[in-house]
Amino acid sequence: MAEEIEKIFPLTERVKEAIAATPRELFVPKGFERIAYNLDALPIAGSQFISSPLTVAKMTEYLAPIGTDKVLEIGCGSGYQAAVLSHLFRGVFTIERIERLVLEAKRRFRALGYQNIHVRTDDGQNGWIQYAPYDRILFSATAKEIPPRIFSQLADEGILVAPMQFKDKQIITRFYKQGDRIKSEELEECDFVPVLNGVEK
């Protein structure tokens, strides 16, 4: 699958290895295992989706993960993106608002022996102040705006990648924190589920 992705989007060797080392079939719903390695998004519980492998690869590359320590992900979903990131970061902190998805993701991480992924149920827009600052922050859902409290949890010289809603389009946007300044660049159009408020028990 990593080879197929690389035909479409160039991958650094470390990211390619991280994708190859993550068993995607364990993160898709029962009955979908045979198509787990197709480059498609697939439905999961809670009216959510596991992003296509191509999208996961792109978001991972856009984070520029090499030489970094901690990443915060907002929108754990099935846990697949966090699992890929766990091969690239010493600590992965991932938040999900749907409790059922959190329990399922935790079971997968335990079964696979991932020791460096930390999951909590919360509104991701609160971030996870306890372990801040983070070298990288990734939104795995589309935001209309990035809350200031999230930027406050990003380390100086850190990078935040998020799908952003601009009128009728979603655009993957990369933000750079330099002291008190935030710079941004638009990367490409995308299609993610939206960030929602609150927690779903």
C-alpha atoms as a PDB file:
ATOM      1  CA  MET A   1       0.000   0.000   0.000  1.00  0.00           C
ATOM      2  CA  ALA A   2       2.817   2.404   0.810  1.00  0.00           C
ATOM      3  CA  GLU A   3       4.194   1.771  -2.680  1.00  0.00           C
ATOM      4  CA  GLU A   4       0.798   2.592  -4.214  1.00  0.00           C
ATOM      5  CA  ILE A   5       0.604   5.815  -2.214  1.00  0.00           C
ATOM      6  CA  GLU A   6       4.090   6.825  -3.332  1.00  0.00           C
ATOM      7  CA  LYS A   7       2.995   6.619  -6.978  1.00  0.00           C
ATOM      8  CA  ILE A   8       0.541   9.433  -6.209  1.00  0.00           C
ATOM      9  CA  PHE A   9       2.248  11.397  -3.426  1.00  0.00           C
ATOM     10  CA  PRO A  10       5.975  11.386  -2.567  1.00  0.00           C
ATOM     11  CA  LEU A  11       6.805   9.912   0.851  1.00  0.00           C
ATOM     12  CA  THR A  12       9.887  10.268   3.004  1.00  0.00           C
ATOM     13  CA  GLU A  13      11.399   6.926   3.937  1.00  0.00           C
ATOM     14  CA  ARG A  14      10.408   7.220   7.632  1.00  0.00           C
ATOM     15  CA  VAL A  15       6.750   7.931   6.808  1.00  0.00           C
ATOM     16  CA  LYS A  16       6.700   5.144   4.235  1.00  0.00           C
ATOM     17  CA  GLU A  17       8.036   2.725   6.865  1.00  0.00           C
ATOM     18  CA  ALA A  18       5.472   3.921   9.438  1.00  0.00           C
ATOM     19  CA  ILE A  19       2.588   3.248   7.040  1.00  0.00           C
ATOM     20  CA  ALA A  20       3.998  -0.138   6.048  1.00  0.00           C
ATOM     21  CA  ALA A  21       4.360  -1.096   9.738  1.00  0.00           C
ATOM     22  CA  THR A  22       0.728  -0.275  10.664  1.00  0.00           C
ATOM     23  CA  PRO A  23      -1.806  -3.105  10.079  1.00  0.00           C
ATOM     24  CA  ARG A  24      -4.732  -1.137   8.652  1.00  0.00           C
ATOM     25  CA  GLU A  25      -7.018  -4.183   8.531  1.00  0.00           C
ATOM     26  CA  LEU A  26      -7.197  -4.076  12.353  1.00  0.00           C
ATOM     27  CA  PHE A  27      -8.619  -0.534  12.289  1.00  0.00           C
ATOM     28  CA  VAL A  28     -11.522  -1.053   9.883  1.00  0.00           C
ATOM     29  CA  PRO A  29     -14.959  -2.488  10.804  1.00  0.00           C
ATOM     30  CA  LYS A  30     -15.617  -6.218  10.524  1.00  0.00           C
ATOM     31  CA  GLY A  31     -16.426  -7.158   6.955  1.00  0.00           C
ATOM     32  CA  PHE A  32     -14.181  -4.469   5.482  1.00  0.00           C
ATOM     33  CA  GLU A  33     -10.844  -6.238   6.085  1.00  0.00           C
ATOM     34  CA  ARG A  34     -10.494  -7.407   2.475  1.00  0.00           C
ATOM     35  CA  ILE A  35     -10.599  -3.793   1.218  1.00  0.00           C
ATOM     36  CA  ALA A  36      -8.640  -2.257   4.100  1.00  0.00           C
ATOM     37  CA  TYR A  37      -5.647  -1.559   1.857  1.00  0.00           C
ATOM     38  CA  ASN A  38      -7.594   0.105  -0.939  1.00  0.00           C
ATOM     39  CA  LEU A  39      -6.936   3.832  -1.075  1.00  0.00           C
ATOM     40  CA  ASP A  40     -10.447   4.645   0.152  1.00  0.00           C
ATOM     41  CA  ALA A  41     -12.036   6.134   3.248  1.00  0.00           C
ATOM     42  CA  LEU A  42     -14.285   3.648   5.065  1.00  0.00           C
ATOM     43  CA  PRO A  43     -17.212   4.142   7.487  1.00  0.00           C
ATOM     44  CA  ILE A  44     -16.768   3.394  11.188  1.00  0.00           C
ATOM     45  CA  ALA A  45     -19.036   3.724  14.236  1.00  0.00           C
ATOM     46  CA  GLY A  46     -20.511   7.036  15.310  1.00  0.00           C
ATOM     47  CA  SER A  47     -21.141   8.193  11.713  1.00  0.00           C
ATOM     48  CA  GLN A  48     -17.395   8.744  11.374  1.00  0.00           C
ATOM     49  CA  PHE A  49     -14.832   7.559   8.822  1.00  0.00           C
ATOM     50  CA  ILE A  50     -11.356   6.104   8.801  1.00  0.00           C
ATOM     51  CA  SER A  51      -9.495   8.361   6.376  1.00  0.00           C
ATOM     52  CA  SER A  52      -8.084   6.898   3.188  1.00  0.00           C
ATOM     53  CA  PRO A  53      -4.467   5.699   3.482  1.00  0.00           C
ATOM     54  CA  LEU A  54      -3.498   8.407   0.993  1.00  0.00           C
ATOM     55  CA  THR A  55      -4.992  11.128   3.201  1.00  0.00           C
ATOM     56  CA  VAL A  56      -3.298   9.702   6.311  1.00  0.00           C
ATOM     57  CA  ALA A  57       0.032   9.659   4.468  1.00  0.00           C
ATOM     58  CA  LYS A  58      -0.403  13.262   3.319  1.00  0.00           C
ATOM     59  CA  MET A  59      -1.385  14.558   6.764  1.00  0.00           C
ATOM     60  CA  THR A  60       1.579  12.736   8.289  1.00  0.00           C
ATOM     61  CA  GLU A  61       4.017  14.193   5.772  1.00  0.00           C
ATOM     62  CA  TYR A  62       2.579  17.689   6.184  1.00  0.00           C
ATOM     63  CA  LEU A  63       3.393  17.474   9.912  1.00  0.00           C
ATOM     64  CA  ALA A  64       7.114  17.207   9.056  1.00  0.00           C
ATOM     65  CA  PRO A  65       7.499  14.655  11.876  1.00  0.00           C
ATOM     66  CA  ILE A  66      11.212  13.925  11.623  1.00  0.00           C
ATOM     67  CA  GLY A  67      13.214  15.155  14.630  1.00  0.00           C
ATOM     68  CA  THR A  68      10.148  15.793  16.777  1.00  0.00           C
ATOM     69  CA  ASP A  69       9.057  14.392  20.147  1.00  0.00           C
ATOM     70  CA  LYS A  70       5.341  14.835  20.946  1.00  0.00           C
ATOM     71  CA  VAL A  71       2.229  15.141  18.814  1.00  0.00           C
ATOM     72  CA  LEU A  72      -1.373  15.930  19.776  1.00  0.00           C
ATOM     73  CA  GLU A  73      -4.122  14.562  17.522  1.00  0.00           C
ATOM     74  CA  ILE A  74      -7.637  15.943  17.702  1.00  0.00           C
ATOM     75  CA  GLY A  75     -10.060  13.315  16.430  1.00  0.00           C
ATOM     76  CA  CYS A  76      -8.782   9.811  17.199  1.00  0.00           C
ATOM     77  CA  GLY A  77     -11.555   7.963  15.348  1.00  0.00           C
ATOM     78  CA  SER A  78     -10.484   4.357  14.734  1.00  0.00           C
ATOM     79  CA  GLY A  79      -6.965   5.122  15.948  1.00  0.00           C
ATOM     80  CA  TYR A  80      -5.294   4.435  12.596  1.00  0.00           C
ATOM     81  CA  GLN A  81      -3.716   7.873  12.188  1.00  0.00           C
ATOM     82  CA  ALA A  82      -2.411   7.758  15.769  1.00  0.00           C
ATOM     83  CA  ALA A  83      -0.976   4.297  15.137  1.00  0.00           C
ATOM     84  CA  VAL A  84       0.956   5.593  12.121  1.00  0.00           C
ATOM     85  CA  LEU A  85       2.197   8.566  14.154  1.00  0.00           C
ATOM     86  CA  SER A  86       3.348   6.246  16.954  1.00  0.00           C
ATOM     87  CA  HIS A  87       6.177   5.032  14.698  1.00  0.00           C
ATOM     88  CA  LEU A  88       7.404   8.616  14.259  1.00  0.00           C
ATOM     89  CA  PHE A  89       6.912  10.311  17.660  1.00  0.00           C
ATOM     90  CA  ARG A  90       8.031   9.340  21.150  1.00  0.00           C
ATOM     91  CA  GLY A  91       4.619  10.359  22.524  1.00  0.00           C
ATOM     92  CA  VAL A  92       1.246  10.446  20.720  1.00  0.00           C
ATOM     93  CA  PHE A  93      -1.636  12.105  22.585  1.00  0.00           C
ATOM     94  CA  THR A  94      -4.993  11.676  20.874  1.00  0.00           C
ATOM     95  CA  ILE A  95      -8.452  12.962  21.841  1.00  0.00           C
ATOM     96  CA  GLU A  96     -11.838  11.649  20.715  1.00  0.00           C
ATOM     97  CA  ARG A  97     -15.276  12.986  21.670  1.00  0.00           C
ATOM     98  CA  ILE A  98     -17.150   9.691  21.029  1.00  0.00           C
ATOM     99  CA  GLU A  99     -16.540   7.378  23.987  1.00  0.00           C
ATOM    100  CA  ARG A 100     -17.286   4.198  22.027  1.00  0.00           C
ATOM    101  CA  LEU A 101     -14.515   5.011  19.569  1.00  0.00           C
ATOM    102  CA  VAL A 102     -12.087   5.698  22.410  1.00  0.00           C
ATOM    103  CA  LEU A 103     -12.743   2.275  23.952  1.00  0.00           C
ATOM    104  CA  GLU A 104     -12.313   0.545  20.593  1.00  0.00           C
ATOM    105  CA  ALA A 105      -9.090   2.435  19.827  1.00  0.00           C
ATOM    106  CA  LYS A 106      -7.645   1.608  23.256  1.00  0.00           C
ATOM    107  CA  ARG A 107      -8.361  -2.099  22.681  1.00  0.00           C
ATOM    108  CA  ARG A 108      -6.556  -1.976  19.340  1.00  0.00           C
ATOM    109  CA  PHE A 109      -3.535  -0.182  20.784  1.00  0.00           C
ATOM    110  CA  ARG A 110      -3.284  -2.719  23.625  1.00  0.00           C
ATOM    111  CA  ALA A 111      -3.588  -5.677  21.247  1.00  0.00           C
ATOM    112  CA  LEU A 112      -0.828  -4.248  19.040  1.00  0.00           C
ATOM    113  CA  GLY A 113       1.425  -3.452  21.984  1.00  0.00           C
ATOM    114  CA  TYR A 114       1.628   0.297  21.354  1.00  0.00           C
ATOM    115  CA  GLN A 115       2.993   1.808  24.562  1.00  0.00           C
ATOM    116  CA  ASN A 116       3.436   5.426  23.436  1.00  0.00           C
ATOM    117  CA  ILE A 117      -0.165   6.308  22.483  1.00  0.00           C
ATOM    118  CA  HIS A 118      -2.290   8.065  25.127  1.00  0.00           C
ATOM    119  CA  VAL A 119      -6.041   8.443  24.528  1.00  0.00           C
ATOM    120  CA  ARG A 120      -8.723  10.427  26.307  1.00  0.00           C
ATOM    121  CA  THR A 121     -12.419  11.171  25.844  1.00  0.00           C
ATOM    122  CA  ASP A 122     -12.984  14.915  25.588  1.00  0.00           C
ATOM    123  CA  ASP A 123     -13.971  17.739  23.285  1.00  0.00           C
ATOM    124  CA  GLY A 124     -10.779  17.982  21.235  1.00  0.00           C
ATOM    125  CA  GLN A 125     -11.093  21.742  21.037  1.00  0.00           C
ATOM    126  CA  ASN A 126      -9.918  21.838  24.662  1.00  0.00           C
ATOM    127  CA  GLY A 127      -6.609  20.212  23.750  1.00  0.00           C
ATOM    128  CA  TRP A 128      -4.682  18.310  26.428  1.00  0.00           C
ATOM    129  CA  ILE A 129      -2.924  20.902  28.559  1.00  0.00           C
ATOM    130  CA  GLN A 130      -1.393  18.355  30.946  1.00  0.00           C
ATOM    131  CA  TYR A 131       1.233  17.253  28.409  1.00  0.00           C
ATOM    132  CA  ALA A 132       1.692  20.519  26.489  1.00  0.00           C
ATOM    133  CA  PRO A 133       3.581  21.916  24.727  1.00  0.00           C
ATOM    134  CA  TYR A 134       3.459  19.699  21.643  1.00  0.00           C
ATOM    135  CA  ASP A 135       5.911  19.841  18.767  1.00  0.00           C
ATOM    136  CA  ARG A 136       3.092  19.048  16.367  1.00  0.00           C
ATOM    137  CA  ILE A 137      -0.711  19.189  16.484  1.00  0.00           C
ATOM    138  CA  LEU A 138      -2.946  17.444  13.957  1.00  0.00           C
ATOM    139  CA  PHE A 139      -6.677  17.925  13.440  1.00  0.00           C
ATOM    140  CA  SER A 140      -8.268  14.809  11.945  1.00  0.00           C
ATOM    141  CA  ALA A 141     -11.567  16.677  11.487  1.00  0.00           C
ATOM    142  CA  THR A 142     -12.451  19.935   9.754  1.00  0.00           C
ATOM    143  CA  ALA A 143     -12.403  23.105  11.856  1.00  0.00           C
ATOM    144  CA  LYS A 144     -13.962  26.479  11.145  1.00  0.00           C
ATOM    145  CA  GLU A 145     -11.282  28.062  13.323  1.00  0.00           C
ATOM    146  CA  ILE A 146      -8.441  26.948  15.593  1.00  0.00           C
ATOM    147  CA  PRO A 147      -9.162  27.884  19.228  1.00  0.00           C
ATOM    148  CA  PRO A 148      -6.462  30.079  20.807  1.00  0.00           C
ATOM    149  CA  ARG A 149      -6.071  27.498  23.613  1.00  0.00           C
ATOM    150  CA  ILE A 150      -4.886  24.990  20.994  1.00  0.00           C
ATOM    151  CA  PHE A 151      -2.236  27.335  19.641  1.00  0.00           C
ATOM    152  CA  SER A 152      -1.157  27.992  23.240  1.00  0.00           C
ATOM    153  CA  GLN A 153      -0.411  24.263  23.574  1.00  0.00           C
ATOM    154  CA  LEU A 154       1.795  24.243  20.457  1.00  0.00           C
ATOM    155  CA  ALA A 155       5.519  24.602  21.101  1.00  0.00           C
ATOM    156  CA  ASP A 156       7.419  27.566  19.701  1.00  0.00           C
ATOM    157  CA  GLU A 157       8.532  26.707  16.152  1.00  0.00           C
ATOM    158  CA  GLY A 158       5.833  24.010  16.173  1.00  0.00           C
ATOM    159  CA  ILE A 159       3.555  23.031  13.302  1.00  0.00           C
ATOM    160  CA  LEU A 160      -0.215  22.507  13.344  1.00  0.00           C
ATOM    161  CA  VAL A 161      -1.974  20.846  10.410  1.00  0.00           C
ATOM    162  CA  ALA A 162      -5.756  21.045  10.072  1.00  0.00           C
ATOM    163  CA  PRO A 163      -8.476  20.765   7.435  1.00  0.00           C
ATOM    164  CA  MET A 164     -10.115  24.197   7.502  1.00  0.00           C
ATOM    165  CA  GLN A 165     -13.601  25.131   6.317  1.00  0.00           C
ATOM    166  CA  PHE A 166     -13.549  28.065   3.880  1.00  0.00           C
ATOM    167  CA  LYS A 167     -17.105  28.789   2.694  1.00  0.00           C
ATOM    168  CA  ASP A 168     -18.005  25.697   0.626  1.00  0.00           C
ATOM    169  CA  LYS A 169     -14.493  24.202   0.549  1.00  0.00           C
ATOM    170  CA  GLN A 170     -12.251  22.350   2.962  1.00  0.00           C
ATOM    171  CA  ILE A 171      -8.539  23.046   2.636  1.00  0.00           C
ATOM    172  CA  ILE A 172      -5.689  21.329   4.468  1.00  0.00           C
ATOM    173  CA  THR A 173      -3.840  24.217   6.092  1.00  0.00           C
ATOM    174  CA  ARG A 174      -0.453  24.215   7.805  1.00  0.00           C
ATOM    175  CA  PHE A 175       0.204  26.703  10.616  1.00  0.00           C
ATOM    176  CA  TYR A 176       3.646  27.665  11.939  1.00  0.00           C
ATOM    177  CA  LYS A 177       4.088  29.149  15.410  1.00  0.00           C
ATOM    178  CA  GLN A 178       6.919  31.640  15.726  1.00  0.00           C
ATOM    179  CA  GLY A 179       6.839  33.322  19.117  1.00  0.00           C
ATOM    180  CA  ASP A 180       3.562  35.219  19.282  1.00  0.00           C
ATOM    181  CA  ARG A 181       3.010  34.977  15.534  1.00  0.00           C
ATOM    182  CA  ILE A 182       1.105  32.318  13.610  1.00  0.00           C
ATOM    183  CA  LYS A 183       1.814  31.921   9.897  1.00  0.00           C
ATOM    184  CA  SER A 184      -0.305  29.733   7.645  1.00  0.00           C
ATOM    185  CA  GLU A 185      -0.218  28.164   4.208  1.00  0.00           C
ATOM    186  CA  GLU A 186      -2.970  26.430   2.264  1.00  0.00           C
ATOM    187  CA  LEU A 187      -1.958  23.037   0.898  1.00  0.00           C
ATOM    188  CA  GLU A 188      -4.841  21.287  -0.887  1.00  0.00           C
ATOM    189  CA  GLU A 189      -8.574  20.679  -0.888  1.00  0.00           C
ATOM    190  CA  CYS A 190      -9.883  17.792   1.205  1.00  0.00           C
ATOM    191  CA  ASP A 191     -13.001  16.173   2.659  1.00  0.00           C
ATOM    192  CA  PHE A 192     -13.182  15.440   6.419  1.00  0.00           C
ATOM    193  CA  VAL A 193     -16.000  15.125   8.950  1.00  0.00           C
ATOM    194  CA  PRO A 194     -16.467  18.354  10.958  1.00  0.00           C
ATOM    195  CA  VAL A 195     -15.214  19.115  14.444  1.00  0.00           C
ATOM    196  CA  LEU A 196     -18.186  18.939  16.816  1.00  0.00           C
ATOM    197  CA  ASN A 197     -18.681  20.349  20.310  1.00  0.00           C
ATOM    198  CA  GLY A 198     -18.998  18.318  23.474  1.00  0.00           C
ATOM    199  CA  VAL A 199     -18.652  14.628  24.301  1.00  0.00           C
ATOM    200  CA  GLU A 200     -20.823  11.694  23.179  1.00  0.00           C
ATOM    201  CA  LYS A 201     -21.090   8.991  25.858  1.00  0.00           C
END
